[in-house]
Amino acid sequence: QVQLVESGGGLVQAGGSLRLSCAPSARVWRIIKMAWYRQAPGKERELVAAITNGGRTKYADAVSGRFTISRDNRANMVYLQMNSLKPEDTAVYYCNADENTWGQGIQVTVSS
């Protein structure tokens, strides 16, 4: 089974940027869909962004225009570039492969 390792989270001020990285143990081009989800305290986990192995992307309305998901087959990585961060983006972010494999999660905190 594929294992996923996230990195790049942390604390940032509102308006700032962070880039999350996800390293799958399998070749990323073999994974049909990679995605980022997030879960804020007291809320359900929600889809943030997804990308297929053909490069098709999908974004939650709340992040569209601010976040960009990408995959680098050569580096075998998936990224989530987060710009213009808001306090409401504070959550634990999870990398997901083919909707059935999860990373351990990484904290993103945006201060106002």
PDB file of N, CA and C in Angstrom:
ATOM      1  N   GLN A   1       0.836  -1.186   0.000  1.00  0.00           N
ATOM      2  CA  GLN A   1       0.000   0.000   0.000  1.00  0.00           C
ATOM      3  C   GLN A   1       0.878   1.246   0.000  1.00  0.00           C
ATOM      4  N   VAL A   2       0.400   2.255  -0.711  1.00  0.00           N
ATOM      5  CA  VAL A   2       1.144   3.502  -0.810  1.00  0.00           C
ATOM      6  C   VAL A   2       1.202   4.187   0.549  1.00  0.00           C
ATOM      7  N   GLN A   3       2.353   4.738   0.875  1.00  0.00           N
ATOM      8  CA  GLN A   3       2.486   5.576   2.064  1.00  0.00           C
ATOM      9  C   GLN A   3       2.743   7.008   1.618  1.00  0.00           C
ATOM     10  N   LEU A   4       2.219   7.955   2.390  1.00  0.00           N
ATOM     11  CA  LEU A   4       2.323   9.364   2.040  1.00  0.00           C
ATOM     12  C   LEU A   4       2.948  10.125   3.203  1.00  0.00           C
ATOM     13  N   VAL A   5       3.899  10.983   2.903  1.00  0.00           N
ATOM     14  CA  VAL A   5       4.561  11.781   3.937  1.00  0.00           C
ATOM     15  C   VAL A   5       4.431  13.248   3.566  1.00  0.00           C
ATOM     16  N   GLU A   6       3.792  14.013   4.463  1.00  0.00           N
ATOM     17  CA  GLU A   6       3.599  15.435   4.213  1.00  0.00           C
ATOM     18  C   GLU A   6       4.692  16.249   4.896  1.00  0.00           C
ATOM     19  N   SER A   7       4.971  17.420   4.343  1.00  0.00           N
ATOM     20  CA  SER A   7       5.907  18.346   4.960  1.00  0.00           C
ATOM     21  C   SER A   7       5.551  19.762   4.531  1.00  0.00           C
ATOM     22  N   GLY A   8       6.108  20.753   5.251  1.00  0.00           N
ATOM     23  CA  GLY A   8       5.957  22.137   4.830  1.00  0.00           C
ATOM     24  C   GLY A   8       4.955  22.966   5.606  1.00  0.00           C
ATOM     25  N   GLY A   9       4.288  22.388   6.584  1.00  0.00           N
ATOM     26  CA  GLY A   9       3.327  23.163   7.355  1.00  0.00           C
ATOM     27  C   GLY A   9       4.019  24.103   8.326  1.00  0.00           C
ATOM     28  N   GLY A  10       3.200  24.803   9.116  1.00  0.00           N
ATOM     29  CA  GLY A  10       3.761  25.697  10.108  1.00  0.00           C
ATOM     30  C   GLY A  10       2.847  26.860  10.416  1.00  0.00           C
ATOM     31  N   LEU A  11       3.444  27.884  10.992  1.00  0.00           N
ATOM     32  CA  LEU A  11       2.719  29.093  11.400  1.00  0.00           C
ATOM     33  C   LEU A  11       3.071  30.229  10.458  1.00  0.00           C
ATOM     34  N   VAL A  12       2.038  30.932   9.996  1.00  0.00           N
ATOM     35  CA  VAL A  12       2.261  32.045   9.081  1.00  0.00           C
ATOM     36  C   VAL A  12       1.227  33.125   9.380  1.00  0.00           C
ATOM     37  N   GLN A  13       1.572  34.366   9.099  1.00  0.00           N
ATOM     38  CA  GLN A  13       0.624  35.455   9.302  1.00  0.00           C
ATOM     39  C   GLN A  13      -0.362  35.518   8.140  1.00  0.00           C
ATOM     40  N   ALA A  14      -1.513  36.065   8.415  1.00  0.00           N
ATOM     41  CA  ALA A  14      -2.519  36.246   7.373  1.00  0.00           C
ATOM     42  C   ALA A  14      -1.921  37.025   6.199  1.00  0.00           C
ATOM     43  N   GLY A  15      -2.234  36.564   5.002  1.00  0.00           N
ATOM     44  CA  GLY A  15      -1.669  37.175   3.802  1.00  0.00           C
ATOM     45  C   GLY A  15      -0.405  36.507   3.317  1.00  0.00           C
ATOM     46  N   GLY A  16       0.169  35.646   4.145  1.00  0.00           N
ATOM     47  CA  GLY A  16       1.404  34.967   3.789  1.00  0.00           C
ATOM     48  C   GLY A  16       1.175  33.731   2.944  1.00  0.00           C
ATOM     49  N   SER A  17       2.274  33.000   2.703  1.00  0.00           N
ATOM     50  CA  SER A  17       2.229  31.819   1.844  1.00  0.00           C
ATOM     51  C   SER A  17       2.944  30.650   2.503  1.00  0.00           C
ATOM     52  N   LEU A  18       2.503  29.464   2.147  1.00  0.00           N
ATOM     53  CA  LEU A  18       3.172  28.218   2.527  1.00  0.00           C
ATOM     54  C   LEU A  18       3.053  27.255   1.359  1.00  0.00           C
ATOM     55  N   ARG A  19       4.010  26.327   1.274  1.00  0.00           N
ATOM     56  CA  ARG A  19       3.896  25.268   0.297  1.00  0.00           C
ATOM     57  C   ARG A  19       3.976  23.926   1.021  1.00  0.00           C
ATOM     58  N   LEU A  20       2.940  23.142   0.860  1.00  0.00           N
ATOM     59  CA  LEU A  20       2.931  21.792   1.411  1.00  0.00           C
ATOM     60  C   LEU A  20       3.448  20.817   0.363  1.00  0.00           C
ATOM     61  N   SER A  21       4.169  19.812   0.832  1.00  0.00           N
ATOM     62  CA  SER A  21       4.679  18.774  -0.050  1.00  0.00           C
ATOM     63  C   SER A  21       4.185  17.415   0.425  1.00  0.00           C
ATOM     64  N   CYS A  22       3.974  16.532  -0.531  1.00  0.00           N
ATOM     65  CA  CYS A  22       3.552  15.163  -0.228  1.00  0.00           C
ATOM     66  C   CYS A  22       4.416  14.220  -1.042  1.00  0.00           C
ATOM     67  N   ALA A  23       5.057  13.285  -0.346  1.00  0.00           N
ATOM     68  CA  ALA A  23       5.932  12.326  -0.999  1.00  0.00           C
ATOM     69  C   ALA A  23       5.305  10.943  -0.924  1.00  0.00           C
ATOM     70  N   PRO A  24       4.791  10.426  -2.043  1.00  0.00           N
ATOM     71  CA  PRO A  24       4.241   9.070  -2.040  1.00  0.00           C
ATOM     72  C   PRO A  24       5.361   8.032  -2.125  1.00  0.00           C
ATOM     73  N   SER A  25       5.126   6.862  -1.533  1.00  0.00           N
ATOM     74  CA  SER A  25       6.127   5.798  -1.614  1.00  0.00           C
ATOM     75  C   SER A  25       6.073   5.102  -2.965  1.00  0.00           C
ATOM     76  N   ALA A  26       4.942   5.233  -3.680  1.00  0.00           N
ATOM     77  CA  ALA A  26       4.827   4.680  -5.035  1.00  0.00           C
ATOM     78  C   ALA A  26       5.084   5.779  -6.054  1.00  0.00           C
ATOM     79  N   ARG A  27       5.309   5.383  -7.277  1.00  0.00           N
ATOM     80  CA  ARG A  27       5.527   6.365  -8.317  1.00  0.00           C
ATOM     81  C   ARG A  27       4.253   7.187  -8.492  1.00  0.00           C
ATOM     82  N   VAL A  28       4.387   8.518  -8.444  1.00  0.00           N
ATOM     83  CA  VAL A  28       3.211   9.378  -8.429  1.00  0.00           C
ATOM     84  C   VAL A  28       2.422   9.268  -9.734  1.00  0.00           C
ATOM     85  N   TRP A  29       3.107   8.927 -10.835  1.00  0.00           N
ATOM     86  CA  TRP A  29       2.393   8.859 -12.101  1.00  0.00           C
ATOM     87  C   TRP A  29       1.464   7.655 -12.149  1.00  0.00           C
ATOM     88  N   ARG A  30       1.698   6.684 -11.235  1.00  0.00           N
ATOM     89  CA  ARG A  30       0.825   5.510 -11.178  1.00  0.00           C
ATOM     90  C   ARG A  30      -0.454   5.798 -10.393  1.00  0.00           C
ATOM     91  N   ILE A  31      -0.478   6.881  -9.636  1.00  0.00           N
ATOM     92  CA  ILE A  31      -1.621   7.205  -8.790  1.00  0.00           C
ATOM     93  C   ILE A  31      -2.584   8.064  -9.602  1.00  0.00           C
ATOM     94  N   ILE A  32      -3.814   7.612  -9.728  1.00  0.00           N
ATOM     95  CA  ILE A  32      -4.760   8.291 -10.608  1.00  0.00           C
ATOM     96  C   ILE A  32      -5.108   9.679 -10.096  1.00  0.00           C
ATOM     97  N   LYS A  33      -5.398   9.771  -8.799  1.00  0.00           N
ATOM     98  CA  LYS A  33      -5.774  11.063  -8.243  1.00  0.00           C
ATOM     99  C   LYS A  33      -5.068  11.317  -6.923  1.00  0.00           C
ATOM    100  N   MET A  34      -4.429  12.473  -6.838  1.00  0.00           N
ATOM    101  CA  MET A  34      -3.832  12.936  -5.596  1.00  0.00           C
ATOM    102  C   MET A  34      -4.646  14.138  -5.128  1.00  0.00           C
ATOM    103  N   ALA A  35      -4.763  14.261  -3.826  1.00  0.00           N
ATOM    104  CA  ALA A  35      -5.581  15.355  -3.301  1.00  0.00           C
ATOM    105  C   ALA A  35      -5.057  15.833  -1.956  1.00  0.00           C
ATOM    106  N   TRP A  36      -5.463  17.022  -1.602  1.00  0.00           N
ATOM    107  CA  TRP A  36      -5.238  17.574  -0.274  1.00  0.00           C
ATOM    108  C   TRP A  36      -6.609  17.812   0.365  1.00  0.00           C
ATOM    109  N   TYR A  37      -6.718  17.375   1.606  1.00  0.00           N
ATOM    110  CA  TYR A  37      -7.891  17.630   2.428  1.00  0.00           C
ATOM    111  C   TYR A  37      -7.435  18.412   3.658  1.00  0.00           C
ATOM    112  N   ARG A  38      -8.389  18.981   4.355  1.00  0.00           N
ATOM    113  CA  ARG A  38      -8.072  19.635   5.618  1.00  0.00           C
ATOM    114  C   ARG A  38      -9.202  19.428   6.618  1.00  0.00           C
ATOM    115  N   GLN A  39      -8.810  19.504   7.881  1.00  0.00           N
ATOM    116  CA  GLN A  39      -9.792  19.371   8.955  1.00  0.00           C
ATOM    117  C   GLN A  39      -9.475  20.375  10.035  1.00  0.00           C
ATOM    118  N   ALA A  40     -10.397  21.295  10.237  1.00  0.00           N
ATOM    119  CA  ALA A  40     -10.264  22.292  11.290  1.00  0.00           C
ATOM    120  C   ALA A  40     -10.910  21.757  12.568  1.00  0.00           C
ATOM    121  N   PRO A  41     -10.521  22.281  13.723  1.00  0.00           N
ATOM    122  CA  PRO A  41     -11.107  21.808  14.993  1.00  0.00           C
ATOM    123  C   PRO A  41     -12.628  21.919  14.980  1.00  0.00           C
ATOM    124  N   GLY A  42     -13.282  20.827  15.340  1.00  0.00           N
ATOM    125  CA  GLY A  42     -14.732  20.822  15.420  1.00  0.00           C
ATOM    126  C   GLY A  42     -15.447  20.723  14.092  1.00  0.00           C
ATOM    127  N   LYS A  43     -14.689  20.554  13.004  1.00  0.00           N
ATOM    128  CA  LYS A  43     -15.298  20.485  11.678  1.00  0.00           C
ATOM    129  C   LYS A  43     -14.943  19.171  11.001  1.00  0.00           C
ATOM    130  N   GLU A  44     -15.717  18.833   9.969  1.00  0.00           N
ATOM    131  CA  GLU A  44     -15.451  17.627   9.211  1.00  0.00           C
ATOM    132  C   GLU A  44     -14.293  17.855   8.238  1.00  0.00           C
ATOM    133  N   ARG A  45     -13.648  16.760   7.874  1.00  0.00           N
ATOM    134  CA  ARG A  45     -12.586  16.848   6.878  1.00  0.00           C
ATOM    135  C   ARG A  45     -13.201  17.234   5.542  1.00  0.00           C
ATOM    136  N   GLU A  46     -12.527  18.137   4.828  1.00  0.00           N
ATOM    137  CA  GLU A  46     -13.053  18.611   3.557  1.00  0.00           C
ATOM    138  C   GLU A  46     -11.979  18.604   2.484  1.00  0.00           C
ATOM    139  N   LEU A  47     -12.421  18.425   1.251  1.00  0.00           N
ATOM    140  CA  LEU A  47     -11.508  18.460   0.120  1.00  0.00           C
ATOM    141  C   LEU A  47     -11.047  19.887  -0.116  1.00  0.00           C
ATOM    142  N   VAL A  48      -9.744  20.052  -0.299  1.00  0.00           N
ATOM    143  CA  VAL A  48      -9.170  21.362  -0.618  1.00  0.00           C
ATOM    144  C   VAL A  48      -8.876  21.442  -2.113  1.00  0.00           C
ATOM    145  N   ALA A  49      -8.151  20.445  -2.621  1.00  0.00           N
ATOM    146  CA  ALA A  49      -7.766  20.455  -4.024  1.00  0.00           C
ATOM    147  C   ALA A  49      -7.411  19.035  -4.442  1.00  0.00           C
ATOM    148  N   ALA A  50      -7.583  18.745  -5.728  1.00  0.00           N
ATOM    149  CA  ALA A  50      -7.252  17.430  -6.258  1.00  0.00           C
ATOM    150  C   ALA A  50      -6.659  17.587  -7.645  1.00  0.00           C
ATOM    151  N   ILE A  51      -5.845  16.594  -8.022  1.00  0.00           N
ATOM    152  CA  ILE A  51      -5.240  16.598  -9.350  1.00  0.00           C
ATOM    153  C   ILE A  51      -5.162  15.167  -9.851  1.00  0.00           C
ATOM    154  N   THR A  52      -5.532  14.957 -11.108  1.00  0.00           N
ATOM    155  CA  THR A  52      -5.451  13.621 -11.699  1.00  0.00           C
ATOM    156  C   THR A  52      -4.090  13.419 -12.347  1.00  0.00           C
ATOM    157  N   ASN A  53      -3.818  12.178 -12.740  1.00  0.00           N
ATOM    158  CA  ASN A  53      -2.533  11.931 -13.402  1.00  0.00           C
ATOM    159  C   ASN A  53      -2.506  12.535 -14.793  1.00  0.00           C
ATOM    160  N   GLY A  54      -3.650  12.997 -15.287  1.00  0.00           N
ATOM    161  CA  GLY A  54      -3.683  13.730 -16.548  1.00  0.00           C
ATOM    162  C   GLY A  54      -3.556  15.228 -16.361  1.00  0.00           C
ATOM    163  N   GLY A  55      -3.450  15.666 -15.097  1.00  0.00           N
ATOM    164  CA  GLY A  55      -3.258  17.081 -14.823  1.00  0.00           C
ATOM    165  C   GLY A  55      -4.527  17.881 -14.597  1.00  0.00           C
ATOM    166  N   ARG A  56      -5.671  17.213 -14.569  1.00  0.00           N
ATOM    167  CA  ARG A  56      -6.918  17.929 -14.338  1.00  0.00           C
ATOM    168  C   ARG A  56      -7.023  18.264 -12.858  1.00  0.00           C
ATOM    169  N   THR A  57      -7.408  19.499 -12.551  1.00  0.00           N
ATOM    170  CA  THR A  57      -7.455  19.947 -11.166  1.00  0.00           C
ATOM    171  C   THR A  57      -8.872  20.347 -10.749  1.00  0.00           C
ATOM    172  N   LYS A  58      -9.061  20.305  -9.425  1.00  0.00           N
ATOM    173  CA  LYS A  58     -10.339  20.700  -8.840  1.00  0.00           C
ATOM    174  C   LYS A  58     -10.029  21.379  -7.522  1.00  0.00           C
ATOM    175  N   TYR A  59     -10.773  22.460  -7.223  1.00  0.00           N
ATOM    176  CA  TYR A  59     -10.530  23.214  -6.000  1.00  0.00           C
ATOM    177  C   TYR A  59     -11.835  23.472  -5.250  1.00  0.00           C
ATOM    178  N   ALA A  60     -11.717  23.531  -3.942  1.00  0.00           N
ATOM    179  CA  ALA A  60     -12.840  23.993  -3.135  1.00  0.00           C
ATOM    180  C   ALA A  60     -13.046  25.477  -3.412  1.00  0.00           C
ATOM    181  N   ASP A  61     -14.292  25.909  -3.358  1.00  0.00           N
ATOM    182  CA  ASP A  61     -14.580  27.317  -3.615  1.00  0.00           C
ATOM    183  C   ASP A  61     -13.801  28.243  -2.673  1.00  0.00           C
ATOM    184  N   ALA A  62     -13.605  27.797  -1.439  1.00  0.00           N
ATOM    185  CA  ALA A  62     -12.968  28.651  -0.438  1.00  0.00           C
ATOM    186  C   ALA A  62     -11.504  28.942  -0.742  1.00  0.00           C
ATOM    187  N   VAL A  63     -10.876  28.111  -1.580  1.00  0.00           N
ATOM    188  CA  VAL A  63      -9.443  28.288  -1.850  1.00  0.00           C
ATOM    189  C   VAL A  63      -9.165  28.599  -3.313  1.00  0.00           C
ATOM    190  N   SER A  64     -10.151  28.526  -4.146  1.00  0.00           N
ATOM    191  CA  SER A  64      -9.955  28.764  -5.581  1.00  0.00           C
ATOM    192  C   SER A  64      -9.375  30.155  -5.808  1.00  0.00           C
ATOM    193  N   GLY A  65      -8.311  30.199  -6.606  1.00  0.00           N
ATOM    194  CA  GLY A  65      -7.646  31.466  -6.878  1.00  0.00           C
ATOM    195  C   GLY A  65      -6.524  31.790  -5.914  1.00  0.00           C
ATOM    196  N   ARG A  66      -6.458  31.059  -4.800  1.00  0.00           N
ATOM    197  CA  ARG A  66      -5.386  31.291  -3.806  1.00  0.00           C
ATOM    198  C   ARG A  66      -4.449  30.091  -3.691  1.00  0.00           C
ATOM    199  N   PHE A  67      -4.984  28.903  -3.864  1.00  0.00           N
ATOM    200  CA  PHE A  67      -4.187  27.679  -3.730  1.00  0.00           C
ATOM    201  C   PHE A  67      -3.969  27.050  -5.112  1.00  0.00           C
ATOM    202  N   THR A  68      -2.836  26.390  -5.248  1.00  0.00           N
ATOM    203  CA  THR A  68      -2.539  25.673  -6.485  1.00  0.00           C
ATOM    204  C   THR A  68      -1.980  24.305  -6.154  1.00  0.00           C
ATOM    205  N   ILE A  69      -2.591  23.271  -6.717  1.00  0.00           N
ATOM    206  CA  ILE A  69      -2.090  21.915  -6.543  1.00  0.00           C
ATOM    207  C   ILE A  69      -1.298  21.540  -7.793  1.00  0.00           C
ATOM    208  N   SER A  70      -0.201  20.820  -7.585  1.00  0.00           N
ATOM    209  CA  SER A  70       0.605  20.401  -8.721  1.00  0.00           C
ATOM    210  C   SER A  70       1.272  19.072  -8.391  1.00  0.00           C
ATOM    211  N   ARG A  71       1.695  18.371  -9.428  1.00  0.00           N
ATOM    212  CA  ARG A  71       2.419  17.117  -9.233  1.00  0.00           C
ATOM    213  C   ARG A  71       3.646  17.116 -10.131  1.00  0.00           C
ATOM    214  N   ASP A  72       4.740  16.652  -9.597  1.00  0.00           N
ATOM    215  CA  ASP A  72       6.003  16.589 -10.314  1.00  0.00           C
ATOM    216  C   ASP A  72       6.377  15.119 -10.427  1.00  0.00           C
ATOM    217  N   ASN A  73       6.131  14.545 -11.595  1.00  0.00           N
ATOM    218  CA  ASN A  73       6.400  13.120 -11.764  1.00  0.00           C
ATOM    219  C   ASN A  73       7.891  12.807 -11.647  1.00  0.00           C
ATOM    220  N   ARG A  74       8.733  13.720 -12.099  1.00  0.00           N
ATOM    221  CA  ARG A  74      10.174  13.457 -12.053  1.00  0.00           C
ATOM    222  C   ARG A  74      10.660  13.433 -10.601  1.00  0.00           C
ATOM    223  N   ALA A  75      10.188  14.377  -9.805  1.00  0.00           N
ATOM    224  CA  ALA A  75      10.586  14.433  -8.396  1.00  0.00           C
ATOM    225  C   ALA A  75       9.738  13.514  -7.523  1.00  0.00           C
ATOM    226  N   ASN A  76       8.680  12.961  -8.117  1.00  0.00           N
ATOM    227  CA  ASN A  76       7.741  12.102  -7.399  1.00  0.00           C
ATOM    228  C   ASN A  76       7.150  12.810  -6.179  1.00  0.00           C
ATOM    229  N   MET A  77       6.643  13.998  -6.434  1.00  0.00           N
ATOM    230  CA  MET A  77       6.079  14.809  -5.365  1.00  0.00           C
ATOM    231  C   MET A  77       4.755  15.427  -5.812  1.00  0.00           C
ATOM    232  N   VAL A  78       3.942  15.757  -4.818  1.00  0.00           N
ATOM    233  CA  VAL A  78       2.729  16.526  -5.044  1.00  0.00           C
ATOM    234  C   VAL A  78       2.792  17.733  -4.111  1.00  0.00           C
ATOM    235  N   TYR A  79       2.396  18.894  -4.627  1.00  0.00           N
ATOM    236  CA  TYR A  79       2.525  20.124  -3.859  1.00  0.00           C
ATOM    237  C   TYR A  79       1.169  20.830  -3.725  1.00  0.00           C
ATOM    238  N   LEU A  80       1.068  21.623  -2.673  1.00  0.00           N
ATOM    239  CA  LEU A  80      -0.057  22.540  -2.524  1.00  0.00           C
ATOM    240  C   LEU A  80       0.534  23.909  -2.177  1.00  0.00           C
ATOM    241  N   GLN A  81       0.534  24.793  -3.151  1.00  0.00           N
ATOM    242  CA  GLN A  81       1.002  26.156  -2.924  1.00  0.00           C
ATOM    243  C   GLN A  81      -0.174  26.969  -2.391  1.00  0.00           C
ATOM    244  N   MET A  82       0.005  27.542  -1.222  1.00  0.00           N
ATOM    245  CA  MET A  82      -1.070  28.294  -0.572  1.00  0.00           C
ATOM    246  C   MET A  82      -0.649  29.750  -0.430  1.00  0.00           C
ATOM    247  N   ASN A  83      -1.365  30.620  -1.114  1.00  0.00           N
ATOM    248  CA  ASN A  83      -1.083  32.057  -1.065  1.00  0.00           C
ATOM    249  C   ASN A  83      -2.249  32.798  -0.433  1.00  0.00           C
ATOM    250  N   SER A  84      -1.991  34.017  -0.036  1.00  0.00           N
ATOM    251  CA  SER A  84      -3.030  34.872   0.563  1.00  0.00           C
ATOM    252  C   SER A  84      -3.777  34.122   1.664  1.00  0.00           C
ATOM    253  N   LEU A  85      -3.027  33.512   2.540  1.00  0.00           N
ATOM    254  CA  LEU A  85      -3.629  32.682   3.581  1.00  0.00           C
ATOM    255  C   LEU A  85      -4.473  33.511   4.537  1.00  0.00           C
ATOM    256  N   LYS A  86      -5.541  32.875   5.004  1.00  0.00           N
ATOM    257  CA  LYS A  86      -6.472  33.515   5.927  1.00  0.00           C
ATOM    258  C   LYS A  86      -6.544  32.698   7.224  1.00  0.00           C
ATOM    259  N   PRO A  87      -6.931  33.324   8.322  1.00  0.00           N
ATOM    260  CA  PRO A  87      -7.057  32.550   9.567  1.00  0.00           C
ATOM    261  C   PRO A  87      -7.980  31.346   9.428  1.00  0.00           C
ATOM    262  N   GLU A  88      -8.984  31.442   8.582  1.00  0.00           N
ATOM    263  CA  GLU A  88      -9.903  30.315   8.407  1.00  0.00           C
ATOM    264  C   GLU A  88      -9.283  29.155   7.635  1.00  0.00           C
ATOM    265  N   ASP A  89      -8.076  29.331   7.127  1.00  0.00           N
ATOM    266  CA  ASP A  89      -7.354  28.221   6.496  1.00  0.00           C
ATOM    267  C   ASP A  89      -6.648  27.358   7.537  1.00  0.00           C
ATOM    268  N   THR A  90      -6.654  27.786   8.778  1.00  0.00           N
ATOM    269  CA  THR A  90      -6.020  27.014   9.837  1.00  0.00           C
ATOM    270  C   THR A  90      -6.673  25.648   9.969  1.00  0.00           C
ATOM    271  N   ALA A  91      -5.864  24.602   9.892  1.00  0.00           N
ATOM    272  CA  ALA A  91      -6.373  23.236   9.926  1.00  0.00           C
ATOM    273  C   ALA A  91      -5.210  22.270   9.875  1.00  0.00           C
ATOM    274  N   VAL A  92      -5.525  20.995  10.076  1.00  0.00           N
ATOM    275  CA  VAL A  92      -4.574  19.934   9.757  1.00  0.00           C
ATOM    276  C   VAL A  92      -4.827  19.535   8.310  1.00  0.00           C
ATOM    277  N   TYR A  93      -3.784  19.540   7.514  1.00  0.00           N
ATOM    278  CA  TYR A  93      -3.893  19.229   6.099  1.00  0.00           C
ATOM    279  C   TYR A  93      -3.383  17.808   5.854  1.00  0.00           C
ATOM    280  N   TYR A  94      -4.145  17.064   5.043  1.00  0.00           N
ATOM    281  CA  TYR A  94      -3.831  15.670   4.776  1.00  0.00           C
ATOM    282  C   TYR A  94      -3.647  15.450   3.279  1.00  0.00           C
ATOM    283  N   CYS A  95      -2.616  14.728   2.926  1.00  0.00           N
ATOM    284  CA  CYS A  95      -2.422  14.271   1.563  1.00  0.00           C
ATOM    285  C   CYS A  95      -3.207  12.968   1.372  1.00  0.00           C
ATOM    286  N   ASN A  96      -3.770  12.800   0.189  1.00  0.00           N
ATOM    287  CA  ASN A  96      -4.594  11.620  -0.082  1.00  0.00           C
ATOM    288  C   ASN A  96      -4.283  11.081  -1.471  1.00  0.00           C
ATOM    289  N   ALA A  97      -4.235   9.742  -1.574  1.00  0.00           N
ATOM    290  CA  ALA A  97      -3.997   9.088  -2.857  1.00  0.00           C
ATOM    291  C   ALA A  97      -5.169   8.197  -3.210  1.00  0.00           C
ATOM    292  N   ASP A  98      -5.747   8.436  -4.373  1.00  0.00           N
ATOM    293  CA  ASP A  98      -6.842   7.609  -4.889  1.00  0.00           C
ATOM    294  C   ASP A  98      -7.961   7.414  -3.874  1.00  0.00           C
ATOM    295  N   GLU A  99      -8.173   8.381  -3.037  1.00  0.00           N
ATOM    296  CA  GLU A  99      -9.299   8.432  -2.092  1.00  0.00           C
ATOM    297  C   GLU A  99      -9.269   7.318  -1.053  1.00  0.00           C
ATOM    298  N   ASN A 100      -8.179   6.562  -0.946  1.00  0.00           N
ATOM    299  CA  ASN A 100      -8.178   5.504   0.058  1.00  0.00           C
ATOM    300  C   ASN A 100      -6.906   5.425   0.888  1.00  0.00           C
ATOM    301  N   THR A 101      -5.964   6.301   0.658  1.00  0.00           N
ATOM    302  CA  THR A 101      -4.725   6.306   1.437  1.00  0.00           C
ATOM    303  C   THR A 101      -4.462   7.718   1.946  1.00  0.00           C
ATOM    304  N   TRP A 102      -4.134   7.814   3.237  1.00  0.00           N
ATOM    305  CA  TRP A 102      -3.961   9.117   3.871  1.00  0.00           C
ATOM    306  C   TRP A 102      -2.563   9.269   4.444  1.00  0.00           C
ATOM    307  N   GLY A 103      -2.060  10.497   4.400  1.00  0.00           N
ATOM    308  CA  GLY A 103      -0.860  10.818   5.135  1.00  0.00           C
ATOM    309  C   GLY A 103      -1.201  11.058   6.601  1.00  0.00           C
ATOM    310  N   GLN A 104      -0.183  11.372   7.382  1.00  0.00           N
ATOM    311  CA  GLN A 104      -0.380  11.528   8.819  1.00  0.00           C
ATOM    312  C   GLN A 104      -0.965  12.887   9.178  1.00  0.00           C
ATOM    313  N   GLY A 105      -0.938  13.809   8.264  1.00  0.00           N
ATOM    314  CA  GLY A 105      -1.474  15.138   8.504  1.00  0.00           C
ATOM    315  C   GLY A 105      -0.402  16.102   8.972  1.00  0.00           C
ATOM    316  N   ILE A 106      -0.568  17.371   8.613  1.00  0.00           N
ATOM    317  CA  ILE A 106       0.386  18.397   8.993  1.00  0.00           C
ATOM    318  C   ILE A 106      -0.376  19.674   9.343  1.00  0.00           C
ATOM    319  N   GLN A 107       0.072  20.319  10.415  1.00  0.00           N
ATOM    320  CA  GLN A 107      -0.646  21.490  10.917  1.00  0.00           C
ATOM    321  C   GLN A 107      -0.266  22.735  10.129  1.00  0.00           C
ATOM    322  N   VAL A 108      -1.282  23.504   9.758  1.00  0.00           N
ATOM    323  CA  VAL A 108      -1.113  24.831   9.186  1.00  0.00           C
ATOM    324  C   VAL A 108      -1.891  25.805  10.070  1.00  0.00           C
ATOM    325  N   THR A 109      -1.200  26.804  10.586  1.00  0.00           N
ATOM    326  CA  THR A 109      -1.829  27.790  11.445  1.00  0.00           C
ATOM    327  C   THR A 109      -1.598  29.180  10.864  1.00  0.00           C
ATOM    328  N   VAL A 110      -2.683  29.905  10.648  1.00  0.00           N
ATOM    329  CA  VAL A 110      -2.606  31.251  10.090  1.00  0.00           C
ATOM    330  C   VAL A 110      -3.072  32.228  11.162  1.00  0.00           C
ATOM    331  N   SER A 111      -2.178  33.111  11.570  1.00  0.00           N
ATOM    332  CA  SER A 111      -2.517  34.083  12.612  1.00  0.00           C
ATOM    333  C   SER A 111      -3.051  35.365  11.986  1.00  0.00           C
ATOM    334  N   SER A 112      -3.923  36.024  12.722  1.00  0.00           N
ATOM    335  CA  SER A 112      -4.519  37.260  12.199  1.00  0.00           C
ATOM    336  C   SER A 112      -3.715  38.484  12.597  1.00  0.00           C
TER     337      SER A 112
END
